[in-house]
Amino acid sequence: MEVEAIRQKLAVSTAELSGKPNVVGLGIGTKVSGGKDTGIPCIVVFVRQKIAENMIEPSAVIPRTLGEVKTDVVLNRSCDIY
């Protein structure tokens, strides 16, 4: 999938995704599965806490795909800036 197509999908999905509870950021990257980079371009959704789908409201679940674009939910680790 071309990065430009992912950018376009992110642009039209930003309000939907960023409005979900727990979401702190969005970006474009490659999907990581089982700790390994798959090389598959995707929309990266950064969250405060990773929560099992069955433990949250259905409306708060990040979809696995947006159209043909995959998503990857990533824990946003806080850091100190020096």
N, C-alpha and C. Protein backbone atom coordinates (compact mmCIF):
# COMPACT_ATOMS: atom_id res chain seq x y z
N MET A 1 0.85 -1.18 0.00
CA MET A 1 0.00 0.00 0.00
C MET A 1 0.89 1.23 0.00
N GLU A 2 0.52 2.21 -0.79
CA GLU A 2 1.29 3.45 -0.90
C GLU A 2 1.10 4.34 0.33
N VAL A 3 2.16 5.00 0.74
CA VAL A 3 2.11 5.87 1.91
C VAL A 3 1.09 6.99 1.70
N GLU A 4 0.98 7.50 0.48
CA GLU A 4 0.02 8.59 0.22
C GLU A 4 -1.41 8.13 0.48
N ALA A 5 -1.75 6.90 0.14
CA ALA A 5 -3.08 6.36 0.41
C ALA A 5 -3.32 6.26 1.92
N ILE A 6 -2.28 5.91 2.66
CA ILE A 6 -2.40 5.82 4.12
C ILE A 6 -2.56 7.22 4.70
N ARG A 7 -1.82 8.19 4.18
CA ARG A 7 -1.97 9.58 4.64
C ARG A 7 -3.39 10.08 4.43
N GLN A 8 -3.94 9.77 3.28
CA GLN A 8 -5.31 10.20 2.98
C GLN A 8 -6.30 9.54 3.94
N LYS A 9 -6.14 8.27 4.21
CA LYS A 9 -7.04 7.56 5.13
C LYS A 9 -6.88 8.13 6.54
N LEU A 10 -5.66 8.43 6.95
CA LEU A 10 -5.43 9.03 8.27
C LEU A 10 -6.11 10.39 8.34
N ALA A 11 -6.01 11.18 7.29
CA ALA A 11 -6.62 12.52 7.28
C ALA A 11 -8.13 12.45 7.49
N VAL A 12 -8.78 11.50 6.86
CA VAL A 12 -10.24 11.40 7.00
C VAL A 12 -10.66 10.64 8.25
N SER A 13 -9.72 9.97 8.91
CA SER A 13 -10.04 9.18 10.11
C SER A 13 -9.55 9.81 11.40
N THR A 14 -8.84 10.91 11.33
CA THR A 14 -8.24 11.52 12.52
C THR A 14 -9.27 11.84 13.58
N ALA A 15 -10.35 12.50 13.21
CA ALA A 15 -11.37 12.89 14.21
C ALA A 15 -11.96 11.65 14.88
N GLU A 16 -12.27 10.63 14.09
CA GLU A 16 -12.86 9.40 14.64
C GLU A 16 -11.91 8.72 15.62
N LEU A 17 -10.65 8.58 15.22
CA LEU A 17 -9.69 7.87 16.06
C LEU A 17 -9.29 8.68 17.29
N SER A 18 -8.98 9.96 17.09
CA SER A 18 -8.50 10.76 18.22
C SER A 18 -9.60 11.05 19.23
N GLY A 19 -10.86 10.88 18.82
CA GLY A 19 -11.97 11.07 19.74
C GLY A 19 -12.23 9.88 20.64
N LYS A 20 -11.56 8.78 20.39
CA LYS A 20 -11.77 7.59 21.23
C LYS A 20 -11.01 7.76 22.55
N PRO A 21 -11.62 7.30 23.64
CA PRO A 21 -10.92 7.40 24.92
C PRO A 21 -9.62 6.60 24.88
N ASN A 22 -8.62 7.07 25.57
CA ASN A 22 -7.35 6.37 25.70
C ASN A 22 -6.38 6.68 24.57
N VAL A 23 -6.84 7.27 23.47
CA VAL A 23 -5.95 7.57 22.34
C VAL A 23 -5.21 8.87 22.62
N VAL A 24 -3.88 8.83 22.47
CA VAL A 24 -3.07 10.03 22.72
C VAL A 24 -2.32 10.51 21.48
N GLY A 25 -2.33 9.74 20.41
CA GLY A 25 -1.64 10.18 19.21
C GLY A 25 -1.86 9.25 18.04
N LEU A 26 -1.54 9.76 16.86
CA LEU A 26 -1.70 9.00 15.62
C LEU A 26 -0.47 9.22 14.75
N GLY A 27 -0.16 8.24 13.94
CA GLY A 27 0.96 8.39 13.02
C GLY A 27 0.92 7.33 11.94
N ILE A 28 1.94 7.32 11.12
CA ILE A 28 2.07 6.32 10.07
C ILE A 28 3.37 5.57 10.33
N GLY A 29 3.29 4.27 10.24
CA GLY A 29 4.48 3.44 10.48
C GLY A 29 4.29 2.08 9.86
N THR A 30 4.96 1.10 10.41
CA THR A 30 4.79 -0.29 9.97
C THR A 30 4.27 -1.12 11.13
N LYS A 31 3.45 -2.08 10.80
CA LYS A 31 2.79 -2.90 11.82
C LYS A 31 3.79 -3.84 12.49
N VAL A 32 3.68 -3.87 13.81
CA VAL A 32 4.49 -4.80 14.61
C VAL A 32 3.55 -5.87 15.16
N SER A 33 3.92 -7.12 14.98
CA SER A 33 3.09 -8.23 15.46
C SER A 33 3.99 -9.24 16.14
N GLY A 34 3.65 -9.58 17.36
CA GLY A 34 4.47 -10.52 18.12
C GLY A 34 5.87 -10.00 18.37
N GLY A 35 5.99 -8.67 18.47
CA GLY A 35 7.29 -8.06 18.72
C GLY A 35 8.17 -7.92 17.50
N LYS A 36 7.67 -8.31 16.33
CA LYS A 36 8.46 -8.23 15.10
C LYS A 36 7.81 -7.29 14.11
N ASP A 37 8.62 -6.46 13.49
CA ASP A 37 8.14 -5.53 12.48
C ASP A 37 7.78 -6.33 11.23
N THR A 38 6.52 -6.20 10.80
CA THR A 38 6.07 -6.95 9.62
C THR A 38 6.43 -6.25 8.32
N GLY A 39 6.76 -4.95 8.41
CA GLY A 39 7.04 -4.19 7.20
C GLY A 39 5.79 -3.70 6.49
N ILE A 40 4.63 -4.02 7.05
CA ILE A 40 3.35 -3.62 6.43
C ILE A 40 3.01 -2.20 6.88
N PRO A 41 2.91 -1.25 5.93
CA PRO A 41 2.55 0.12 6.31
C PRO A 41 1.17 0.16 6.96
N CYS A 42 1.03 1.03 7.97
CA CYS A 42 -0.23 1.10 8.69
C CYS A 42 -0.40 2.46 9.37
N ILE A 43 -1.59 2.67 9.91
CA ILE A 43 -1.84 3.80 10.80
C ILE A 43 -1.53 3.33 12.21
N VAL A 44 -0.64 4.06 12.88
CA VAL A 44 -0.27 3.71 14.25
C VAL A 44 -1.12 4.55 15.20
N VAL A 45 -1.79 3.88 16.13
CA VAL A 45 -2.64 4.55 17.12
C VAL A 45 -1.96 4.39 18.48
N PHE A 46 -1.52 5.50 19.04
CA PHE A 46 -0.85 5.48 20.34
C PHE A 46 -1.89 5.63 21.45
N VAL A 47 -1.82 4.75 22.46
CA VAL A 47 -2.79 4.75 23.56
C VAL A 47 -2.08 4.85 24.90
N ARG A 48 -2.80 5.34 25.91
CA ARG A 48 -2.25 5.43 27.27
C ARG A 48 -2.05 4.05 27.88
N GLN A 49 -2.99 3.15 27.55
CA GLN A 49 -2.98 1.81 28.13
C GLN A 49 -3.58 0.85 27.13
N LYS A 50 -2.95 -0.30 26.94
CA LYS A 50 -3.54 -1.33 26.07
C LYS A 50 -4.53 -2.12 26.91
N ILE A 51 -5.76 -2.21 26.40
CA ILE A 51 -6.84 -2.88 27.12
C ILE A 51 -7.46 -3.90 26.17
N ALA A 52 -7.75 -5.09 26.67
CA ALA A 52 -8.38 -6.14 25.85
C ALA A 52 -9.72 -5.64 25.33
N GLU A 53 -10.01 -5.98 24.08
CA GLU A 53 -11.25 -5.53 23.43
C GLU A 53 -12.49 -5.87 24.25
N ASN A 54 -12.50 -7.02 24.91
CA ASN A 54 -13.69 -7.44 25.65
C ASN A 54 -13.85 -6.68 26.97
N MET A 55 -12.88 -5.80 27.29
CA MET A 55 -12.94 -5.05 28.55
C MET A 55 -13.36 -3.58 28.35
N ILE A 56 -13.61 -3.19 27.11
CA ILE A 56 -13.99 -1.80 26.85
C ILE A 56 -15.26 -1.74 26.01
N GLU A 57 -15.87 -0.59 26.00
CA GLU A 57 -17.08 -0.37 25.20
C GLU A 57 -16.76 -0.59 23.72
N PRO A 58 -17.67 -1.20 22.97
CA PRO A 58 -17.43 -1.42 21.55
C PRO A 58 -17.07 -0.14 20.79
N SER A 59 -17.65 0.98 21.19
CA SER A 59 -17.37 2.24 20.49
C SER A 59 -15.95 2.73 20.74
N ALA A 60 -15.27 2.21 21.76
CA ALA A 60 -13.91 2.63 22.08
C ALA A 60 -12.85 1.76 21.42
N VAL A 61 -13.26 0.67 20.80
CA VAL A 61 -12.32 -0.26 20.18
C VAL A 61 -11.72 0.38 18.92
N ILE A 62 -10.41 0.27 18.77
CA ILE A 62 -9.73 0.72 17.56
C ILE A 62 -9.92 -0.38 16.51
N PRO A 63 -10.48 -0.04 15.35
CA PRO A 63 -10.67 -1.07 14.32
C PRO A 63 -9.33 -1.63 13.83
N ARG A 64 -9.31 -2.90 13.49
CA ARG A 64 -8.08 -3.53 13.00
C ARG A 64 -7.68 -2.98 11.64
N THR A 65 -8.67 -2.55 10.88
CA THR A 65 -8.42 -1.92 9.58
C THR A 65 -9.36 -0.74 9.40
N LEU A 66 -8.92 0.21 8.61
CA LEU A 66 -9.76 1.33 8.17
C LEU A 66 -9.80 1.23 6.65
N GLY A 67 -10.88 0.66 6.14
CA GLY A 67 -10.89 0.33 4.72
C GLY A 67 -9.85 -0.74 4.48
N GLU A 68 -8.90 -0.46 3.60
CA GLU A 68 -7.84 -1.42 3.30
C GLU A 68 -6.57 -1.16 4.12
N VAL A 69 -6.59 -0.12 4.95
CA VAL A 69 -5.41 0.26 5.73
C VAL A 69 -5.43 -0.41 7.09
N LYS A 70 -4.37 -1.13 7.42
CA LYS A 70 -4.27 -1.77 8.74
C LYS A 70 -3.97 -0.72 9.80
N THR A 71 -4.32 -1.05 11.04
CA THR A 71 -3.96 -0.20 12.17
C THR A 71 -3.08 -1.01 13.12
N ASP A 72 -2.31 -0.29 13.92
CA ASP A 72 -1.48 -0.93 14.94
C ASP A 72 -1.63 -0.10 16.21
N VAL A 73 -2.09 -0.72 17.28
CA VAL A 73 -2.27 -0.02 18.56
C VAL A 73 -0.98 -0.18 19.36
N VAL A 74 -0.40 0.95 19.75
CA VAL A 74 0.91 0.97 20.41
C VAL A 74 0.80 1.71 21.73
N LEU A 75 1.35 1.11 22.77
CA LEU A 75 1.39 1.75 24.07
C LEU A 75 2.32 2.95 24.00
N ASN A 76 1.81 4.11 24.40
CA ASN A 76 2.61 5.34 24.42
C ASN A 76 3.33 5.41 25.76
N ARG A 77 4.57 5.14 25.77
CA ARG A 77 5.35 5.18 27.01
C ARG A 77 5.75 6.62 27.26
N SER A 78 5.55 7.07 28.47
CA SER A 78 5.93 8.44 28.81
C SER A 78 7.44 8.53 28.95
N CYS A 79 7.95 9.72 28.76
CA CYS A 79 9.38 9.91 28.91
C CYS A 79 9.63 11.30 29.49
N ASP A 80 10.78 11.45 30.07
CA ASP A 80 11.20 12.73 30.59
C ASP A 80 12.09 13.40 29.57
N ILE A 81 11.91 14.69 29.37
CA ILE A 81 12.75 15.43 28.45
C ILE A 81 13.76 16.22 29.26
N TYR A 82 15.00 16.08 28.92
CA TYR A 82 16.08 16.78 29.64
C TYR A 82 16.66 17.86 28.78
